[in-house]
């Protein structure tokens, strides 16, 4: 668990990684969230987020029919592209919720997809920084965490 005290908009705000984990879990389609913030340090919060296969299947109903008739490479490309759209929307909603809840104006987030499957759902590593680490550094961190488990590398 990571607790950070952040100065934002003229006041100090305490942000707890367990609270952020609970926020992420409240979104539609999120099956499991693991708080892995203690593995990264440096004021960065990190979460392993799984979107359920039911949710992914429901969102991709029309694309699933096309995927069944395409090659494995096409199927993987379509799934990954759709996983990016789904993940972008989820992360934007999470960031908006955090910004509103904590009245924060200066924080950064990034994610890296390590699984995109109709059968297994979508797996992403999501990183948040309330300090100096910007989007590029957060993305590199998320992708380095995923190096061993990423089926897209």
N, C-alpha and C. Protein backbone atom coordinates (compact mmCIF):
# COMPACT_ATOMS: atom_id res chain seq x y z
N UNK A 1 0.84 -1.18 0.00
CA UNK A 1 0.00 0.00 0.00
C UNK A 1 0.89 1.24 0.00
N UNK A 2 0.47 2.22 -0.75
CA UNK A 2 1.20 3.47 -0.89
C UNK A 2 0.28 4.61 -0.46
N UNK A 3 0.77 5.48 0.42
CA UNK A 3 0.04 6.68 0.82
C UNK A 3 0.89 7.88 0.44
N UNK A 4 0.28 8.80 -0.27
CA UNK A 4 1.00 9.99 -0.69
C UNK A 4 0.27 11.23 -0.20
N UNK A 5 1.03 12.22 0.22
CA UNK A 5 0.45 13.51 0.56
C UNK A 5 0.84 14.47 -0.56
N UNK A 6 -0.16 15.05 -1.17
CA UNK A 6 0.04 15.87 -2.36
C UNK A 6 -0.49 17.27 -2.08
N UNK A 7 0.27 18.25 -2.52
CA UNK A 7 -0.18 19.64 -2.42
C UNK A 7 -0.86 20.00 -3.74
N UNK A 8 -2.14 20.30 -3.67
CA UNK A 8 -2.90 20.62 -4.88
C UNK A 8 -3.95 21.68 -4.58
N UNK A 9 -4.01 22.66 -5.41
CA UNK A 9 -5.00 23.73 -5.33
C UNK A 9 -5.04 24.36 -3.93
N UNK A 10 -3.85 24.63 -3.38
CA UNK A 10 -3.75 25.35 -2.11
C UNK A 10 -3.98 24.53 -0.86
N UNK A 11 -4.00 23.20 -0.98
CA UNK A 11 -4.20 22.37 0.22
C UNK A 11 -3.47 21.04 0.05
N UNK A 12 -3.29 20.35 1.17
CA UNK A 12 -2.68 19.03 1.16
C UNK A 12 -3.77 17.97 1.10
N UNK A 13 -3.55 16.98 0.24
CA UNK A 13 -4.51 15.89 0.06
C UNK A 13 -3.76 14.57 0.23
N UNK A 14 -4.33 13.65 1.00
CA UNK A 14 -3.73 12.34 1.15
C UNK A 14 -4.41 11.37 0.18
N UNK A 15 -3.61 10.70 -0.62
CA UNK A 15 -4.11 9.72 -1.58
C UNK A 15 -3.56 8.36 -1.19
N UNK A 16 -4.47 7.41 -1.03
CA UNK A 16 -4.13 6.07 -0.58
C UNK A 16 -4.34 5.09 -1.74
N UNK A 17 -3.35 4.27 -2.02
CA UNK A 17 -3.44 3.35 -3.16
C UNK A 17 -4.58 2.34 -2.98
N UNK A 18 -4.91 1.99 -1.74
CA UNK A 18 -6.05 1.07 -1.52
C UNK A 18 -7.37 1.74 -1.90
N UNK A 19 -7.48 3.04 -1.66
CA UNK A 19 -8.67 3.77 -2.06
C UNK A 19 -8.76 3.82 -3.59
N UNK A 20 -7.64 4.06 -4.25
CA UNK A 20 -7.61 4.07 -5.72
C UNK A 20 -7.99 2.68 -6.25
N UNK A 21 -7.50 1.63 -5.61
CA UNK A 21 -7.86 0.26 -6.00
C UNK A 21 -9.37 0.08 -5.92
N UNK A 22 -9.98 0.55 -4.82
CA UNK A 22 -11.44 0.43 -4.66
C UNK A 22 -12.19 1.24 -5.71
N UNK A 23 -11.65 2.38 -6.08
CA UNK A 23 -12.26 3.19 -7.14
C UNK A 23 -12.24 2.41 -8.46
N UNK A 24 -11.10 1.83 -8.79
CA UNK A 24 -10.98 1.08 -10.04
C UNK A 24 -11.95 -0.10 -10.05
N UNK A 25 -12.06 -0.79 -8.92
CA UNK A 25 -12.95 -1.95 -8.83
C UNK A 25 -14.42 -1.58 -9.03
N UNK A 26 -14.77 -0.33 -8.82
CA UNK A 26 -16.17 0.09 -8.93
C UNK A 26 -16.64 0.28 -10.37
N UNK A 27 -15.72 0.26 -11.32
CA UNK A 27 -16.10 0.48 -12.72
C UNK A 27 -16.63 -0.79 -13.37
N UNK A 28 -17.60 -0.61 -14.28
CA UNK A 28 -18.19 -1.74 -15.01
C UNK A 28 -17.10 -2.55 -15.71
N UNK A 29 -17.25 -3.85 -15.63
CA UNK A 29 -16.37 -4.75 -16.36
C UNK A 29 -15.08 -5.12 -15.65
N UNK A 30 -14.75 -4.41 -14.58
CA UNK A 30 -13.52 -4.70 -13.86
C UNK A 30 -13.75 -5.94 -13.01
N UNK A 31 -12.94 -6.96 -13.25
CA UNK A 31 -13.08 -8.20 -12.51
C UNK A 31 -12.18 -8.25 -11.29
N UNK A 32 -10.91 -8.00 -11.49
CA UNK A 32 -9.95 -8.07 -10.40
C UNK A 32 -8.96 -6.93 -10.51
N UNK A 33 -8.60 -6.37 -9.37
CA UNK A 33 -7.57 -5.33 -9.32
C UNK A 33 -6.59 -5.72 -8.23
N UNK A 34 -5.33 -5.78 -8.61
CA UNK A 34 -4.28 -6.02 -7.62
C UNK A 34 -3.46 -4.75 -7.47
N UNK A 35 -3.33 -4.31 -6.23
CA UNK A 35 -2.52 -3.13 -5.93
C UNK A 35 -1.07 -3.58 -5.85
N UNK A 36 -0.27 -3.21 -6.83
CA UNK A 36 1.14 -3.60 -6.83
C UNK A 36 2.04 -2.37 -6.66
N UNK A 37 1.49 -1.35 -6.01
CA UNK A 37 2.21 -0.09 -5.80
C UNK A 37 3.50 -0.28 -5.00
N UNK A 38 3.50 -1.23 -4.06
CA UNK A 38 4.68 -1.44 -3.23
C UNK A 38 5.86 -1.99 -4.02
N UNK A 39 5.65 -2.39 -5.25
CA UNK A 39 6.76 -2.93 -6.07
C UNK A 39 7.46 -1.85 -6.88
N UNK A 40 6.90 -0.63 -6.93
CA UNK A 40 7.49 0.39 -7.80
C UNK A 40 8.09 1.56 -7.04
N UNK A 41 7.49 2.00 -5.94
CA UNK A 41 8.04 3.10 -5.14
C UNK A 41 8.04 4.44 -5.86
N UNK A 42 8.86 5.35 -5.38
CA UNK A 42 9.05 6.69 -5.97
C UNK A 42 7.76 7.47 -6.18
N UNK A 43 6.79 7.32 -5.29
CA UNK A 43 5.57 8.11 -5.41
C UNK A 43 4.67 7.70 -6.56
N UNK A 44 4.87 6.50 -7.09
CA UNK A 44 4.05 6.01 -8.19
C UNK A 44 3.14 4.90 -7.66
N UNK A 45 1.90 4.93 -8.08
CA UNK A 45 0.97 3.86 -7.76
C UNK A 45 0.80 2.98 -8.99
N UNK A 46 0.65 1.69 -8.75
CA UNK A 46 0.58 0.75 -9.86
C UNK A 46 -0.46 -0.33 -9.56
N UNK A 47 -1.24 -0.69 -10.58
CA UNK A 47 -2.32 -1.64 -10.42
C UNK A 47 -2.37 -2.60 -11.59
N UNK A 48 -2.62 -3.86 -11.29
CA UNK A 48 -2.86 -4.88 -12.29
C UNK A 48 -4.38 -5.02 -12.38
N UNK A 49 -4.94 -4.66 -13.53
CA UNK A 49 -6.39 -4.59 -13.70
C UNK A 49 -6.83 -5.61 -14.75
N UNK A 50 -7.84 -6.41 -14.40
CA UNK A 50 -8.40 -7.38 -15.35
C UNK A 50 -9.85 -7.02 -15.63
N UNK A 51 -10.15 -6.90 -16.91
CA UNK A 51 -11.54 -6.72 -17.34
C UNK A 51 -12.09 -8.09 -17.69
N UNK A 52 -13.31 -8.38 -17.26
CA UNK A 52 -13.87 -9.72 -17.41
C UNK A 52 -14.13 -10.08 -18.87
N UNK A 53 -14.09 -11.37 -19.14
CA UNK A 53 -14.36 -11.84 -20.50
C UNK A 53 -15.81 -11.56 -20.90
N UNK A 54 -16.75 -11.64 -19.95
CA UNK A 54 -18.15 -11.31 -20.26
C UNK A 54 -18.29 -9.87 -20.72
N UNK A 55 -17.62 -8.96 -20.02
CA UNK A 55 -17.66 -7.54 -20.36
C UNK A 55 -17.03 -7.30 -21.73
N UNK A 56 -15.88 -7.90 -21.96
CA UNK A 56 -15.19 -7.74 -23.24
C UNK A 56 -16.04 -8.32 -24.37
N UNK A 57 -16.60 -9.50 -24.15
CA UNK A 57 -17.46 -10.12 -25.16
C UNK A 57 -18.67 -9.27 -25.48
N UNK A 58 -19.27 -8.68 -24.45
CA UNK A 58 -20.44 -7.82 -24.65
C UNK A 58 -20.08 -6.59 -25.47
N UNK A 59 -18.94 -5.96 -25.16
CA UNK A 59 -18.51 -4.77 -25.89
C UNK A 59 -18.12 -5.08 -27.34
N UNK A 60 -17.63 -6.29 -27.55
CA UNK A 60 -17.11 -6.65 -28.88
C UNK A 60 -18.04 -7.57 -29.65
N UNK A 61 -19.33 -7.58 -29.32
CA UNK A 61 -20.28 -8.49 -29.97
C UNK A 61 -20.15 -8.50 -31.49
N UNK A 62 -20.19 -7.35 -32.10
CA UNK A 62 -20.15 -7.28 -33.57
C UNK A 62 -18.80 -7.69 -34.13
N UNK A 63 -17.72 -7.29 -33.45
CA UNK A 63 -16.38 -7.62 -33.92
C UNK A 63 -16.09 -9.12 -33.79
N UNK A 64 -16.70 -9.77 -32.80
CA UNK A 64 -16.46 -11.19 -32.56
C UNK A 64 -16.83 -12.02 -33.79
N UNK A 65 -17.92 -11.67 -34.44
CA UNK A 65 -18.33 -12.40 -35.64
C UNK A 65 -17.27 -12.30 -36.72
N UNK A 66 -16.70 -11.11 -36.90
CA UNK A 66 -15.66 -10.92 -37.90
C UNK A 66 -14.38 -11.66 -37.52
N UNK A 67 -14.07 -11.66 -36.23
CA UNK A 67 -12.85 -12.32 -35.75
C UNK A 67 -12.89 -13.81 -36.04
N UNK A 68 -14.05 -14.42 -35.93
CA UNK A 68 -14.16 -15.86 -36.16
C UNK A 68 -13.73 -16.26 -37.57
N UNK A 69 -13.85 -15.38 -38.52
CA UNK A 69 -13.54 -15.71 -39.91
C UNK A 69 -12.19 -15.18 -40.38
N UNK A 70 -11.46 -14.55 -39.51
CA UNK A 70 -10.18 -13.98 -39.92
C UNK A 70 -9.01 -14.87 -39.47
N UNK A 71 -7.83 -14.54 -39.95
CA UNK A 71 -6.64 -15.30 -39.56
C UNK A 71 -6.27 -14.97 -38.11
N UNK A 72 -5.37 -15.75 -37.56
CA UNK A 72 -4.92 -15.51 -36.18
C UNK A 72 -4.28 -14.13 -36.03
N UNK A 73 -3.48 -13.72 -37.02
CA UNK A 73 -2.84 -12.41 -36.96
C UNK A 73 -3.87 -11.30 -37.00
N UNK A 74 -4.87 -11.42 -37.88
CA UNK A 74 -5.92 -10.41 -37.95
C UNK A 74 -6.72 -10.38 -36.65
N UNK A 75 -7.01 -11.56 -36.11
CA UNK A 75 -7.76 -11.65 -34.87
C UNK A 75 -7.00 -10.94 -33.74
N UNK A 76 -5.72 -11.20 -33.62
CA UNK A 76 -4.90 -10.58 -32.58
C UNK A 76 -4.86 -9.06 -32.76
N UNK A 77 -4.70 -8.59 -34.00
CA UNK A 77 -4.64 -7.16 -34.26
C UNK A 77 -5.97 -6.48 -33.92
N UNK A 78 -7.08 -7.11 -34.30
CA UNK A 78 -8.40 -6.54 -34.01
C UNK A 78 -8.64 -6.51 -32.50
N UNK A 79 -8.34 -7.60 -31.83
CA UNK A 79 -8.52 -7.65 -30.38
C UNK A 79 -7.67 -6.61 -29.67
N UNK A 80 -6.41 -6.48 -30.07
CA UNK A 80 -5.53 -5.52 -29.42
C UNK A 80 -6.03 -4.09 -29.65
N UNK A 81 -6.44 -3.78 -30.88
CA UNK A 81 -6.96 -2.45 -31.18
C UNK A 81 -8.19 -2.15 -30.33
N UNK A 82 -9.10 -3.10 -30.24
CA UNK A 82 -10.30 -2.90 -29.43
C UNK A 82 -9.95 -2.81 -27.94
N UNK A 83 -8.97 -3.58 -27.49
CA UNK A 83 -8.53 -3.51 -26.10
C UNK A 83 -7.98 -2.13 -25.78
N UNK A 84 -7.29 -1.52 -26.75
CA UNK A 84 -6.78 -0.16 -26.55
C UNK A 84 -7.93 0.83 -26.38
N UNK A 85 -8.96 0.75 -27.22
CA UNK A 85 -10.11 1.65 -27.10
C UNK A 85 -10.79 1.48 -25.75
N UNK A 86 -11.02 0.23 -25.35
CA UNK A 86 -11.69 -0.06 -24.08
C UNK A 86 -10.83 0.45 -22.92
N UNK A 87 -9.54 0.19 -22.97
CA UNK A 87 -8.64 0.61 -21.89
C UNK A 87 -8.52 2.12 -21.81
N UNK A 88 -8.43 2.79 -22.96
CA UNK A 88 -8.38 4.26 -22.98
C UNK A 88 -9.59 4.85 -22.27
N UNK A 89 -10.77 4.34 -22.62
CA UNK A 89 -12.01 4.85 -22.02
C UNK A 89 -12.03 4.60 -20.52
N UNK A 90 -11.65 3.40 -20.10
CA UNK A 90 -11.63 3.07 -18.67
C UNK A 90 -10.67 3.98 -17.92
N UNK A 91 -9.45 4.11 -18.42
CA UNK A 91 -8.43 4.91 -17.72
C UNK A 91 -8.85 6.38 -17.68
N UNK A 92 -9.41 6.90 -18.76
CA UNK A 92 -9.90 8.29 -18.75
C UNK A 92 -10.98 8.47 -17.68
N UNK A 93 -11.89 7.51 -17.57
CA UNK A 93 -12.94 7.60 -16.55
C UNK A 93 -12.37 7.52 -15.14
N UNK A 94 -11.41 6.65 -14.94
CA UNK A 94 -10.77 6.54 -13.62
C UNK A 94 -10.06 7.84 -13.27
N UNK A 95 -9.29 8.39 -14.21
CA UNK A 95 -8.58 9.64 -13.95
C UNK A 95 -9.55 10.78 -13.65
N UNK A 96 -10.64 10.85 -14.39
CA UNK A 96 -11.65 11.88 -14.16
C UNK A 96 -12.26 11.74 -12.76
N UNK A 97 -12.55 10.51 -12.36
CA UNK A 97 -13.12 10.25 -11.03
C UNK A 97 -12.13 10.67 -9.94
N UNK A 98 -10.86 10.31 -10.10
CA UNK A 98 -9.83 10.67 -9.12
C UNK A 98 -9.69 12.19 -9.05
N UNK A 99 -9.64 12.84 -10.20
CA UNK A 99 -9.51 14.29 -10.25
C UNK A 99 -10.66 14.96 -9.50
N UNK A 100 -11.87 14.47 -9.73
CA UNK A 100 -13.04 15.03 -9.07
C UNK A 100 -13.06 14.73 -7.57
N UNK A 101 -12.78 13.49 -7.21
CA UNK A 101 -12.84 13.08 -5.80
C UNK A 101 -11.83 13.80 -4.93
N UNK A 102 -10.61 13.92 -5.42
CA UNK A 102 -9.54 14.50 -4.62
C UNK A 102 -9.25 15.97 -4.96
N UNK A 103 -9.96 16.53 -5.93
CA UNK A 103 -9.72 17.91 -6.39
C UNK A 103 -8.27 18.09 -6.81
N UNK A 104 -7.78 17.14 -7.58
CA UNK A 104 -6.41 17.20 -8.07
C UNK A 104 -6.39 17.71 -9.49
N UNK A 105 -5.36 18.47 -9.81
CA UNK A 105 -5.27 18.99 -11.17
C UNK A 105 -4.00 18.55 -11.88
N UNK A 106 -3.03 18.04 -11.13
CA UNK A 106 -1.75 17.72 -11.76
C UNK A 106 -1.30 16.31 -11.40
N UNK A 107 -1.78 15.35 -12.16
CA UNK A 107 -1.30 13.99 -12.01
C UNK A 107 -1.30 13.33 -13.37
N UNK A 108 -0.57 12.24 -13.47
CA UNK A 108 -0.38 11.58 -14.76
C UNK A 108 -0.70 10.09 -14.62
N UNK A 109 -1.14 9.51 -15.71
CA UNK A 109 -1.43 8.08 -15.72
C UNK A 109 -1.06 7.48 -17.07
N UNK A 110 -0.75 6.20 -17.04
CA UNK A 110 -0.45 5.47 -18.27
C UNK A 110 -0.78 4.00 -18.03
N UNK A 111 -0.91 3.26 -19.11
CA UNK A 111 -1.20 1.84 -18.99
C UNK A 111 -0.50 1.09 -20.10
N UNK A 112 -0.37 -0.21 -19.90
CA UNK A 112 0.15 -1.10 -20.93
C UNK A 112 -0.69 -2.38 -20.89
N UNK A 113 -1.12 -2.83 -22.05
CA UNK A 113 -1.95 -4.02 -22.17
C UNK A 113 -1.04 -5.25 -22.23
N UNK A 114 -1.33 -6.24 -21.42
CA UNK A 114 -0.57 -7.48 -21.50
C UNK A 114 -1.42 -8.66 -21.93
N UNK A 115 -2.74 -8.47 -22.00
CA UNK A 115 -3.60 -9.55 -22.47
C UNK A 115 -4.84 -8.93 -23.12
N UNK A 116 -5.21 -9.45 -24.29
CA UNK A 116 -6.46 -9.07 -24.96
C UNK A 116 -7.04 -10.34 -25.53
N UNK A 117 -8.07 -10.84 -24.87
CA UNK A 117 -8.66 -12.12 -25.25
C UNK A 117 -10.14 -12.10 -24.97
N UNK A 118 -10.90 -12.68 -25.88
CA UNK A 118 -12.34 -12.78 -25.65
C UNK A 118 -12.58 -13.78 -24.52
N UNK A 119 -11.80 -14.85 -24.48
CA UNK A 119 -11.98 -15.89 -23.46
C UNK A 119 -11.47 -15.48 -22.08
N UNK A 120 -10.38 -14.71 -22.03
CA UNK A 120 -9.75 -14.37 -20.76
C UNK A 120 -9.93 -12.92 -20.34
N UNK A 121 -10.47 -12.09 -21.21
CA UNK A 121 -10.65 -10.67 -20.90
C UNK A 121 -9.42 -9.86 -21.26
N UNK A 122 -9.40 -8.65 -20.75
CA UNK A 122 -8.29 -7.73 -21.01
C UNK A 122 -7.51 -7.55 -19.72
N UNK A 123 -6.18 -7.61 -19.83
CA UNK A 123 -5.30 -7.37 -18.69
C UNK A 123 -4.44 -6.16 -18.95
N UNK A 124 -4.44 -5.21 -18.01
CA UNK A 124 -3.62 -4.01 -18.17
C UNK A 124 -2.87 -3.73 -16.87
N UNK A 125 -1.73 -3.11 -17.02
CA UNK A 125 -1.01 -2.56 -15.89
C UNK A 125 -1.18 -1.05 -15.99
N UNK A 126 -1.72 -0.47 -14.91
CA UNK A 126 -2.06 0.95 -14.86
C UNK A 126 -1.16 1.63 -13.84
N UNK A 127 -0.49 2.71 -14.24
CA UNK A 127 0.39 3.45 -13.35
C UNK A 127 -0.10 4.88 -13.19
N UNK A 128 0.05 5.41 -11.99
CA UNK A 128 -0.35 6.78 -11.66
C UNK A 128 0.80 7.48 -10.95
N UNK A 129 0.99 8.75 -11.28
CA UNK A 129 1.99 9.56 -10.60
C UNK A 129 1.37 10.90 -10.24
N UNK A 130 1.64 11.34 -9.06
CA UNK A 130 1.15 12.64 -8.60
C UNK A 130 2.31 13.61 -8.46
N UNK A 131 3.41 13.30 -9.11
CA UNK A 131 4.61 14.11 -8.99
C UNK A 131 5.33 14.27 -10.30
N UNK A 132 6.61 13.98 -10.25
CA UNK A 132 7.50 14.27 -11.37
C UNK A 132 7.42 13.28 -12.52
N UNK A 133 6.97 12.07 -12.28
CA UNK A 133 6.97 11.05 -13.33
C UNK A 133 5.81 11.35 -14.29
N UNK A 134 6.14 11.60 -15.53
CA UNK A 134 5.15 11.96 -16.54
C UNK A 134 4.71 10.72 -17.32
N UNK A 135 3.81 10.92 -18.28
CA UNK A 135 3.20 9.83 -19.04
C UNK A 135 4.23 8.87 -19.63
N UNK A 136 5.26 9.40 -20.29
CA UNK A 136 6.26 8.54 -20.94
C UNK A 136 6.96 7.62 -19.96
N UNK A 137 7.35 8.15 -18.81
CA UNK A 137 8.01 7.34 -17.78
C UNK A 137 7.06 6.32 -17.18
N UNK A 138 5.80 6.72 -17.01
CA UNK A 138 4.80 5.79 -16.47
C UNK A 138 4.53 4.65 -17.44
N UNK A 139 4.47 4.98 -18.74
CA UNK A 139 4.26 3.92 -19.74
C UNK A 139 5.43 2.94 -19.73
N UNK A 140 6.65 3.48 -19.70
CA UNK A 140 7.84 2.60 -19.66
C UNK A 140 7.81 1.69 -18.45
N UNK A 141 7.40 2.24 -17.31
CA UNK A 141 7.30 1.44 -16.09
C UNK A 141 6.26 0.33 -16.25
N UNK A 142 5.07 0.69 -16.75
CA UNK A 142 4.01 -0.30 -16.94
C UNK A 142 4.45 -1.39 -17.91
N UNK A 143 5.10 -1.00 -19.00
CA UNK A 143 5.51 -2.02 -19.98
C UNK A 143 6.65 -2.87 -19.45
N UNK A 144 7.52 -2.30 -18.61
CA UNK A 144 8.60 -3.12 -18.05
C UNK A 144 8.04 -4.14 -17.06
N UNK A 145 6.99 -3.78 -16.34
CA UNK A 145 6.33 -4.73 -15.44
C UNK A 145 5.72 -5.87 -16.25
N UNK A 146 5.20 -5.54 -17.43
CA UNK A 146 4.53 -6.52 -18.28
C UNK A 146 5.47 -7.37 -19.12
N UNK A 147 6.75 -7.04 -19.18
CA UNK A 147 7.67 -7.75 -20.08
C UNK A 147 7.58 -9.25 -19.98
N UNK A 148 7.47 -9.79 -18.80
CA UNK A 148 7.43 -11.24 -18.64
C UNK A 148 6.10 -11.88 -18.95
N UNK A 149 5.02 -11.11 -18.90
CA UNK A 149 3.70 -11.70 -19.07
C UNK A 149 2.96 -11.22 -20.32
N UNK A 150 3.55 -10.34 -21.09
CA UNK A 150 2.86 -9.71 -22.21
C UNK A 150 2.87 -10.60 -23.44
N UNK A 151 1.71 -10.99 -23.90
CA UNK A 151 1.62 -11.84 -25.10
C UNK A 151 1.73 -11.04 -26.38
N UNK A 152 1.86 -9.70 -26.28
CA UNK A 152 1.96 -8.87 -27.47
C UNK A 152 3.39 -8.45 -27.76
N UNK A 153 4.36 -8.94 -27.03
CA UNK A 153 5.75 -8.55 -27.26
C UNK A 153 6.47 -9.59 -28.05
